[in-house]
Each structure stands twice: as C-alpha cells, then as structure tokens.
Amino acid sequence: MRIGIIGLPGSGKTTLFNALTRGTAQSGSFGGNQSANIGVAHVPDPRLDRLTEIFQPKRTVAAEVTYVDLPGARSTESADLFSGESMGHLQRVDALLHVVRAFDDPAVPHALGSVDYARDIEKVNFDVLFADISLLERRIDRIKEGMKGLKSQERAQAEKNIEVLQQLQGEMEDGTAARDRDFTEEEITAVSDTFLLSRLPLLVALNVGEDDISRTDELESELAELTGGANSGSAVMCGRLEEELAQMSHEEEAEMRSGLDAGESGLERMIRLSYRVLGLISFLTVGEDEVRAWTITEGTSAPRAAGTVHSDIERGFIRAETVSYDDFVAAGSLAEARNSGALRQEGRDYVVQDGDILNFRFSV
C-alpha cells in the first residue's frame, strides 16, 4: 500500500510523515521542500507477535505501508499544489492523506492567514477537483485532435467519449469527486487512460495542538461531517507529539503514552483507518523460517491471495489449508487445530478472511 501525503504549506504534513515512518525529514518553512520524502512504516499487528512467540521463526515480516510526503508547494494556488513531481508521485499511490492544520503557532504563519480547518478542507478538495477538470480538458482536446481520418464507428465512439468526459467535468465543477460516484462501463471506457486524482480514496488527518488532544472525540465528530463518504475517512492527532514519541524506543514510547494518557499511536490509528477506507485485510503465513503478514483486498479469493506470495503459487494453485487466527490460538498448535477440525481444506472459490493463517498447496 502506498499513500501520498498532501496539504497546504505549514499544515505539518512532514511532521506527520516523520511520526508515521519514524523518520527525520526536515520540516520546511512555507513552500520549502521541493523533493518528496519517502518512508516505509511496518503495520502493527499483535497477531504477528503472538505467532512469533509460538513458532520462534528465523524472521518475522510485518506488512508495510509506504508514505510519500509530496513536495511543498511554492504557493497556495491550485495549479501549484498538484503539478510537476507531485503528479508523478500521485499517479503511483493507492490513497491520499490530507493533513489539515488545526493548531496555532506564531512561528509558522498559516498559508491562508488564519487557522480554519473546514475552509482548508474545502480548498484542497477544490484543488483536487480543479486538477482533474484540467486533466479531462486536455484529454478532450487530444480526442478532438485525433478524430481526423477516423472511421465512422471510431468517430462515433470518440464523440461519445467526449460527451461522457464533459459530463464528468460538469459534475466536478459542481463539487462531486470521482470517488463519490459509481462509474458505468461507458464512463470507465472514456476515462480508461486518464488519471483522476479525485478517484483516489481520501484520508484526512486533523493536526491539532497538544492543548486540543482532550477534545479529540469532539473534533472527530465535527470532522466526520465534513469528510463523510464510503471512500473517505478521518482522524484527529497531534503531529508534533506523535513525532516526538516516534523518535523514542518502543518501550519508552509505550511508557510515555501511558503517562500522558495519549492512547494508541498515530500510526496505529492511521493504519486502521487506511485499511477500512481501502477495504484491506491481512492474512498470515507461518513456519520455522518465517512468520509474515500479507495485505490483500477484502473479498480476495484463495488463488489470488496465493499470488501475493508468488505468481507461481497462484498459477499452480491446488488448495489452501486454512485456520483462523483465533481458532489456531485456541487450539495451541496446527496439529491440534487439524485434530479439532479448525484447520480446513479450501478450494479455488474460498474467499480469504482477515486473520486467516494459510498454507498454499500448488504444483507447477
């Protein structure tokens, strides 16, 4: 999973990037950094810890999330927020993480002159739509330029594509993001070679000051009203505090969180939100050599899940030996899980569930 971090200058997006990746990227001043920061975070999963205790493998491999902190904008103009290097990175991400400022800091003036997170969310949402409207306009122009010499059937299809793209443009001008609508087959054909930024799932992180941590529940309720939608989600966190805690050892961080009553880490909250919005789950593989978590889309069949391990396993898939994590822990071992009937043999039609422990049988 790859997530692109966006936000207005001074929103604290690089601070949050450091908190999520335990990184040390330099937080630029207004319009500072012009290169993307890229870091990897390991997905916290207590199930892996328990399985590691049981199997004592040579290595334990957690699922990973790559965060891309997009280059800082030189201004707050729409055309500047999503251009150049930023668009190149965004075309390779699975979701957007919009960091929105809700803290006061006289040393870092707000890019728009005052702190107003509702206004900032609306502005960046508009900037995303503006970028898509411009992309669709360029696509329409290319179709028109290429219509000369087309056969009648091809010309009819081109004209239909233009009609569909113009309709999408109109909806975006009215404020409808691509992620908030279902696409017909006709629309999918029309946009098949056009990257739409607003089609990416959207996560919103409200970056608050330490004084507002106690208001997290209240702020999250307010935020949910602004960021609702099946492919959207939001959370409140204090980026500066999370960054400080992320630089500590895991033991020190846990002790400090307990003392501050700071709850679970920002990474844990953001990962949970990301998995929910993107419809992701994890399955597990175990053994003396390796215990590992694998990320797949909810609803994935056993052969497709096998393909995440290796394409040859999917190609030669025969069956999957399957036991849920809870049933395995209750049984205490794979042998006991097999004896109790909790370890099952599943075929090609089996849909993998979150927490399944899988062993694939295959032949190539």
Protein backbone atom coordinates (compact mmCIF):
# COMPACT_ATOMS: atom_id res chain seq x y z
CA MET A 1 0.00 0.00 0.00
CA ARG A 2 1.30 3.42 -0.97
CA ILE A 3 -0.20 6.63 0.43
CA GLY A 4 0.51 10.17 -0.77
CA ILE A 5 0.55 12.92 1.88
CA ILE A 6 -0.81 16.27 0.73
CA GLY A 7 -1.67 19.52 2.46
CA LEU A 8 -1.32 23.28 2.42
CA PRO A 9 2.08 24.79 3.30
CA GLY A 10 2.58 24.83 7.07
CA SER A 11 -0.02 22.14 7.76
CA GLY A 12 2.52 19.85 9.41
CA LYS A 13 2.42 17.11 6.79
CA THR A 14 6.16 16.40 7.05
CA THR A 15 5.86 16.29 10.84
CA LEU A 16 3.13 13.67 10.48
CA PHE A 17 5.23 11.83 7.88
CA ASN A 18 8.01 11.56 10.48
CA ALA A 19 5.53 10.34 13.08
CA LEU A 20 4.20 7.62 10.80
CA THR A 21 7.57 6.41 9.47
CA ARG A 22 9.81 7.20 12.47
CA GLY A 23 11.65 9.41 10.02
CA THR A 24 13.69 12.56 10.49
CA ALA A 25 12.80 14.52 7.35
CA GLN A 26 13.34 18.25 7.67
CA SER A 27 10.12 20.21 8.05
CA GLY A 28 10.41 23.07 5.58
CA SER A 29 9.19 26.60 6.07
CA PHE A 30 6.44 27.99 3.87
CA GLY A 31 6.82 26.48 0.41
CA GLY A 32 10.13 24.87 1.41
CA ASN A 33 10.99 21.36 0.28
CA GLN A 34 10.72 20.61 -3.44
CA SER A 35 11.56 16.89 -3.23
CA ALA A 36 9.30 14.13 -1.97
CA ASN A 37 10.09 12.35 1.30
CA ILE A 38 9.50 8.61 1.04
CA GLY A 39 9.38 6.30 4.05
CA VAL A 40 8.12 2.86 5.00
CA ALA A 41 6.07 2.00 8.08
CA HIS A 42 5.57 -1.51 9.42
CA VAL A 43 1.93 -2.32 10.10
CA PRO A 44 1.47 -3.02 13.83
CA ASP A 45 -0.22 -6.42 14.27
CA PRO A 46 -0.35 -8.12 17.70
CA ARG A 47 -1.18 -11.40 15.94
CA LEU A 48 2.31 -11.44 14.43
CA ASP A 49 3.85 -11.01 17.87
CA ARG A 50 1.89 -13.96 19.28
CA LEU A 51 2.68 -16.20 16.30
CA THR A 52 6.36 -15.29 16.60
CA GLU A 53 6.32 -16.43 20.24
CA ILE A 54 4.79 -19.75 19.18
CA PHE A 55 6.87 -20.57 16.09
CA GLN A 56 10.16 -18.84 17.00
CA PRO A 57 10.89 -18.22 13.30
CA LYS A 58 14.17 -17.04 11.82
CA ARG A 59 12.43 -13.81 10.87
CA THR A 60 9.13 -12.03 11.26
CA VAL A 61 7.89 -9.81 8.42
CA ALA A 62 5.14 -7.27 9.00
CA ALA A 63 3.01 -5.80 6.24
CA GLU A 64 4.29 -2.43 5.05
CA VAL A 65 2.86 0.93 4.07
CA THR A 66 4.90 3.37 2.02
CA TYR A 67 4.19 7.04 2.73
CA VAL A 68 5.11 9.71 0.18
CA ASP A 69 5.29 13.24 1.60
CA LEU A 70 4.71 15.32 -1.53
CA PRO A 71 6.97 18.27 -2.34
CA GLY A 72 6.00 21.51 -0.64
CA ALA A 73 4.03 23.93 -2.77
CA ARG A 74 5.58 27.29 -3.54
CA SER A 75 2.18 28.93 -3.05
CA THR A 76 -1.44 28.07 -2.31
CA GLU A 77 -2.52 28.40 -5.93
CA SER A 78 -4.45 25.38 -7.25
CA ALA A 79 -2.13 24.89 -10.19
CA ASP A 80 0.88 24.78 -7.86
CA LEU A 81 -0.38 22.23 -5.35
CA PHE A 82 -0.60 19.35 -7.83
CA SER A 83 1.96 19.83 -10.53
CA GLY A 84 5.31 18.55 -11.72
CA GLU A 85 6.91 15.98 -9.44
CA SER A 86 3.82 15.79 -7.23
CA MET A 87 1.60 14.43 -10.00
CA GLY A 88 4.24 11.88 -10.93
CA HIS A 89 4.18 10.51 -7.39
CA LEU A 90 0.41 10.70 -7.05
CA GLN A 91 -0.11 8.51 -10.10
CA ARG A 92 1.56 5.68 -8.15
CA VAL A 93 -0.31 5.91 -4.83
CA ASP A 94 -3.35 3.98 -3.60
CA ALA A 95 -4.83 6.76 -1.47
CA LEU A 96 -4.43 10.40 -0.45
CA LEU A 97 -3.74 11.53 3.11
CA HIS A 98 -4.68 15.19 3.51
CA VAL A 99 -3.07 16.77 6.58
CA VAL A 100 -5.14 19.73 7.77
CA ARG A 101 -3.87 22.31 10.22
CA ALA A 102 -5.85 22.99 13.41
CA PHE A 103 -3.06 24.34 15.64
CA ASP A 104 -1.83 27.86 16.35
CA ASP A 105 1.88 28.61 16.03
CA PRO A 106 3.00 32.25 15.62
CA ALA A 107 6.38 31.00 14.38
CA VAL A 108 4.68 29.31 11.40
CA PRO A 109 2.11 31.67 9.85
CA HIS A 110 -0.85 29.92 8.26
CA ALA A 111 -0.66 29.95 4.46
CA LEU A 112 -4.14 31.50 4.25
CA GLY A 113 -3.70 33.93 7.13
CA SER A 114 -5.75 32.17 9.81
CA VAL A 115 -6.47 28.71 11.19
CA ASP A 116 -9.77 27.36 9.81
CA TYR A 117 -9.70 23.63 9.13
CA ALA A 118 -13.16 23.48 7.48
CA ARG A 119 -12.09 26.14 4.97
CA ASP A 120 -8.79 24.35 4.32
CA ILE A 121 -10.51 21.01 3.68
CA GLU A 122 -12.85 22.69 1.21
CA LYS A 123 -9.95 24.46 -0.53
CA VAL A 124 -7.83 21.35 -1.05
CA ASN A 125 -10.89 19.36 -2.16
CA PHE A 126 -11.45 22.09 -4.76
CA ASP A 127 -7.78 21.96 -5.79
CA VAL A 128 -8.06 18.21 -6.37
CA LEU A 129 -11.17 18.70 -8.49
CA PHE A 130 -9.53 21.58 -10.37
CA ALA A 131 -6.61 19.31 -11.25
CA ASP A 132 -9.00 16.64 -12.56
CA ILE A 133 -11.05 19.15 -14.57
CA SER A 134 -7.84 20.33 -16.24
CA LEU A 135 -6.78 16.73 -16.96
CA LEU A 136 -10.16 15.97 -18.54
CA GLU A 137 -9.95 19.14 -20.64
CA ARG A 138 -6.58 18.06 -22.02
CA ARG A 139 -7.96 14.58 -22.69
CA ILE A 140 -10.92 16.02 -24.60
CA ASP A 141 -8.57 18.19 -26.68
CA ARG A 142 -6.44 15.13 -27.56
CA ILE A 143 -9.51 13.17 -28.64
CA LYS A 144 -10.68 16.03 -30.87
CA GLU A 145 -7.24 16.35 -32.44
CA GLY A 146 -7.15 12.63 -33.20
CA MET A 147 -10.61 12.42 -34.81
CA LYS A 148 -9.40 13.34 -38.27
CA GLY A 149 -9.33 10.31 -40.50
CA LEU A 150 -11.25 8.06 -38.10
CA LYS A 151 -13.75 5.60 -39.49
CA SER A 152 -17.41 6.29 -38.75
CA GLN A 153 -17.62 3.75 -35.92
CA GLU A 154 -14.42 5.02 -34.31
CA ARG A 155 -15.58 8.62 -34.70
CA ALA A 156 -18.89 7.77 -33.01
CA GLN A 157 -17.01 6.25 -30.06
CA ALA A 158 -14.73 9.28 -29.82
CA GLU A 159 -17.71 11.63 -29.81
CA LYS A 160 -19.35 9.53 -27.10
CA ASN A 161 -16.17 9.66 -25.01
CA ILE A 162 -16.11 13.46 -25.31
CA GLU A 163 -19.74 13.63 -24.20
CA VAL A 164 -19.03 11.44 -21.15
CA LEU A 165 -15.90 13.38 -20.18
CA GLN A 166 -17.71 16.70 -20.43
CA GLN A 167 -20.46 15.34 -18.18
CA LEU A 168 -17.84 14.30 -15.61
CA GLN A 169 -16.31 17.75 -15.84
CA GLY A 170 -19.68 19.32 -15.11
CA GLU A 171 -20.18 17.14 -12.04
CA MET A 172 -16.73 18.04 -10.75
CA GLU A 173 -17.42 21.73 -11.28
CA ASP A 174 -20.46 21.17 -9.03
CA GLY A 175 -18.20 19.63 -6.37
CA THR A 176 -18.62 15.88 -6.94
CA ALA A 177 -15.38 13.91 -6.60
CA ALA A 178 -14.88 10.82 -8.72
CA ARG A 179 -14.54 8.69 -5.57
CA ASP A 180 -18.08 9.63 -4.53
CA ARG A 181 -19.83 8.16 -7.57
CA ASP A 182 -20.16 4.81 -9.29
CA PHE A 183 -18.81 4.59 -12.83
CA THR A 184 -20.75 2.94 -15.65
CA GLU A 185 -18.96 0.75 -18.18
CA GLU A 186 -19.29 3.60 -20.66
CA GLU A 187 -17.60 6.02 -18.24
CA ILE A 188 -14.86 3.53 -17.39
CA THR A 189 -14.07 3.26 -21.11
CA ALA A 190 -13.97 7.04 -21.52
CA VAL A 191 -11.52 7.60 -18.61
CA SER A 192 -9.53 4.39 -19.05
CA ASP A 193 -6.30 6.21 -19.90
CA THR A 194 -6.89 9.29 -17.74
CA PHE A 195 -5.60 9.53 -14.15
CA LEU A 196 -8.22 11.12 -11.91
CA LEU A 197 -6.84 12.41 -8.64
CA SER A 198 -10.30 12.65 -7.05
CA ARG A 199 -10.88 8.95 -7.69
CA LEU A 200 -8.30 8.03 -5.04
CA PRO A 201 -9.67 7.17 -1.57
CA LEU A 202 -9.21 10.10 0.81
CA LEU A 203 -7.92 10.09 4.39
CA VAL A 204 -7.98 13.33 6.38
CA ALA A 205 -5.74 13.87 9.42
CA LEU A 206 -6.62 16.91 11.52
CA ASN A 207 -3.33 18.09 13.01
CA VAL A 208 -4.11 19.63 16.42
CA GLY A 209 -2.00 21.24 19.12
CA GLU A 210 -1.34 19.50 22.44
CA ASP A 211 -3.96 21.69 24.15
CA ASP A 212 -6.68 20.16 21.96
CA ILE A 213 -5.82 16.48 22.47
CA SER A 214 -8.51 16.26 25.15
CA ARG A 215 -11.07 17.38 22.53
CA THR A 216 -10.25 14.54 20.14
CA ASP A 217 -13.68 12.87 20.30
CA GLU A 218 -15.48 16.18 19.81
CA LEU A 219 -13.27 17.19 16.89
CA GLU A 220 -13.54 13.79 15.23
CA SER A 221 -17.34 14.09 15.29
CA GLU A 222 -17.12 17.51 13.62
CA LEU A 223 -14.55 16.23 11.13
CA ALA A 224 -16.67 13.22 10.16
CA GLU A 225 -19.43 15.54 8.99
CA LEU A 226 -17.01 17.23 6.58
CA THR A 227 -15.29 14.11 5.28
CA GLY A 228 -18.07 11.52 5.06
CA GLY A 229 -18.26 9.01 2.23
CA ALA A 230 -17.67 5.32 1.58
CA ASN A 231 -14.17 6.00 0.23
CA SER A 232 -13.17 8.62 2.80
CA GLY A 233 -12.22 8.66 6.46
CA SER A 234 -10.72 10.98 9.05
CA ALA A 235 -8.84 11.08 12.34
CA VAL A 236 -7.53 13.69 14.79
CA MET A 237 -3.96 13.59 16.05
CA CYS A 238 -1.23 15.84 17.36
CA GLY A 239 1.54 15.62 14.78
CA ARG A 240 4.20 17.27 16.93
CA LEU A 241 3.60 14.96 19.90
CA GLU A 242 3.40 11.90 17.65
CA GLU A 243 6.69 12.86 16.00
CA GLU A 244 8.41 13.21 19.38
CA LEU A 245 7.08 9.86 20.60
CA ALA A 246 8.03 8.12 17.35
CA GLN A 247 11.70 9.00 17.90
CA MET A 248 11.74 7.01 21.17
CA SER A 249 12.26 3.30 21.57
CA HIS A 250 9.06 1.25 21.58
CA GLU A 251 9.39 0.69 25.32
CA GLU A 252 9.93 4.38 26.08
CA GLU A 253 7.08 5.35 23.77
CA ALA A 254 4.66 2.95 25.48
CA GLU A 255 5.65 4.28 28.92
CA MET A 256 5.29 7.89 27.80
CA ARG A 257 1.91 7.26 26.16
CA SER A 258 0.67 5.66 29.34
CA GLY A 259 1.84 8.62 31.42
CA LEU A 260 0.28 11.14 29.02
CA ASP A 261 -2.87 9.05 28.52
CA ALA A 262 -2.15 9.50 24.81
CA GLY A 263 -3.75 6.22 23.72
CA GLU A 264 -2.67 4.26 20.67
CA SER A 265 -0.07 5.67 18.31
CA GLY A 266 -0.90 7.86 15.35
CA LEU A 267 0.50 5.12 13.11
CA GLU A 268 -1.89 2.52 14.53
CA ARG A 269 -4.87 4.82 14.10
CA MET A 270 -3.89 5.83 10.58
CA ILE A 271 -3.23 2.22 9.52
CA ARG A 272 -6.62 1.10 10.85
CA LEU A 273 -8.30 3.99 9.03
CA SER A 274 -6.38 3.23 5.83
CA TYR A 275 -7.34 -0.44 5.86
CA ARG A 276 -11.00 0.42 6.44
CA VAL A 277 -11.22 3.06 3.70
CA LEU A 278 -9.30 0.97 1.16
CA GLY A 279 -11.13 -2.26 2.08
CA LEU A 280 -7.97 -4.14 3.03
CA ILE A 281 -7.37 -7.14 5.28
CA SER A 282 -4.36 -9.26 6.24
CA PHE A 283 -3.73 -12.98 6.06
CA LEU A 284 -0.83 -14.75 7.73
CA THR A 285 1.71 -17.41 6.82
CA VAL A 286 3.67 -19.27 9.50
CA GLY A 287 6.59 -21.64 9.86
CA GLU A 288 10.03 -22.12 11.37
CA ASP A 289 11.65 -19.95 8.69
CA GLU A 290 9.19 -17.07 8.63
CA VAL A 291 6.04 -15.62 10.14
CA ARG A 292 4.58 -13.00 7.85
CA ALA A 293 1.54 -10.76 7.28
CA TRP A 294 0.25 -10.14 3.76
CA THR A 295 -2.12 -7.35 2.72
CA ILE A 296 -4.96 -8.07 0.28
CA THR A 297 -8.27 -6.53 -0.71
CA GLU A 298 -11.33 -7.76 1.16
CA GLY A 299 -13.15 -10.35 -0.97
CA THR A 300 -9.96 -11.82 -2.48
CA SER A 301 -10.13 -15.49 -3.47
CA ALA A 302 -7.60 -18.02 -2.21
CA PRO A 303 -5.75 -18.30 -5.58
CA ARG A 304 -5.45 -14.52 -5.86
CA ALA A 305 -4.18 -14.35 -2.27
CA ALA A 306 -1.63 -17.01 -3.16
CA GLY A 307 -0.47 -14.74 -5.98
CA THR A 308 0.60 -12.09 -3.47
CA VAL A 309 3.09 -14.63 -2.11
CA HIS A 310 4.30 -15.71 -5.57
CA SER A 311 2.79 -15.76 -9.04
CA ASP A 312 3.78 -19.42 -9.47
CA ILE A 313 1.68 -20.38 -6.44
CA GLU A 314 -1.38 -18.73 -7.98
CA ARG A 315 -0.72 -20.34 -11.34
CA GLY A 316 -0.38 -23.82 -9.85
CA PHE A 317 -2.89 -23.42 -7.03
CA ILE A 318 -4.46 -26.68 -5.81
CA ARG A 319 -5.93 -25.83 -2.40
CA ALA A 320 -5.33 -23.79 0.74
CA GLU A 321 -5.00 -25.19 4.24
CA THR A 322 -6.81 -22.62 6.36
CA VAL A 323 -7.38 -21.87 10.04
CA SER A 324 -8.46 -18.59 11.56
CA TYR A 325 -6.01 -16.92 13.93
CA ASP A 326 -8.43 -17.14 16.87
CA ASP A 327 -9.08 -20.85 16.28
CA PHE A 328 -5.36 -21.54 16.00
CA VAL A 329 -4.55 -19.75 19.25
CA ALA A 330 -7.38 -21.62 20.99
CA ALA A 331 -6.04 -24.94 19.67
CA GLY A 332 -2.43 -24.12 20.54
CA SER A 333 -0.83 -25.75 17.51
CA LEU A 334 -1.51 -26.65 13.89
CA ALA A 335 -1.70 -30.33 14.83
CA GLU A 336 -4.41 -29.68 17.42
CA ALA A 337 -6.24 -27.35 15.01
CA ARG A 338 -6.27 -30.19 12.45
CA ASN A 339 -7.48 -32.71 15.04
CA SER A 340 -10.34 -30.42 16.12
CA GLY A 341 -11.40 -29.68 12.55
CA ALA A 342 -10.48 -26.00 12.79
CA LEU A 343 -7.81 -26.47 10.09
CA ARG A 344 -9.73 -26.84 6.84
CA GLN A 345 -9.02 -27.58 3.19
CA GLU A 346 -10.38 -24.82 0.95
CA GLY A 347 -10.54 -24.65 -2.84
CA ARG A 348 -10.42 -22.02 -5.55
CA ASP A 349 -13.73 -20.40 -4.58
CA TYR A 350 -12.75 -19.73 -0.98
CA VAL A 351 -12.76 -16.04 -0.01
CA VAL A 352 -9.92 -15.26 2.38
CA GLN A 353 -10.90 -13.71 5.72
CA ASP A 354 -8.95 -11.26 7.87
CA GLY A 355 -6.60 -13.17 10.17
CA ASP A 356 -6.64 -16.43 8.20
CA ILE A 357 -3.48 -18.48 8.59
CA LEU A 358 -2.88 -20.02 5.18
CA ASN A 359 -0.65 -22.70 3.70
CA PHE A 360 -0.98 -23.00 -0.08
CA ARG A 361 -0.65 -26.30 -1.92
CA PHE A 362 0.37 -25.90 -5.55
CA SER A 363 2.01 -27.61 -8.50
CA VAL A 364 3.83 -26.00 -11.43
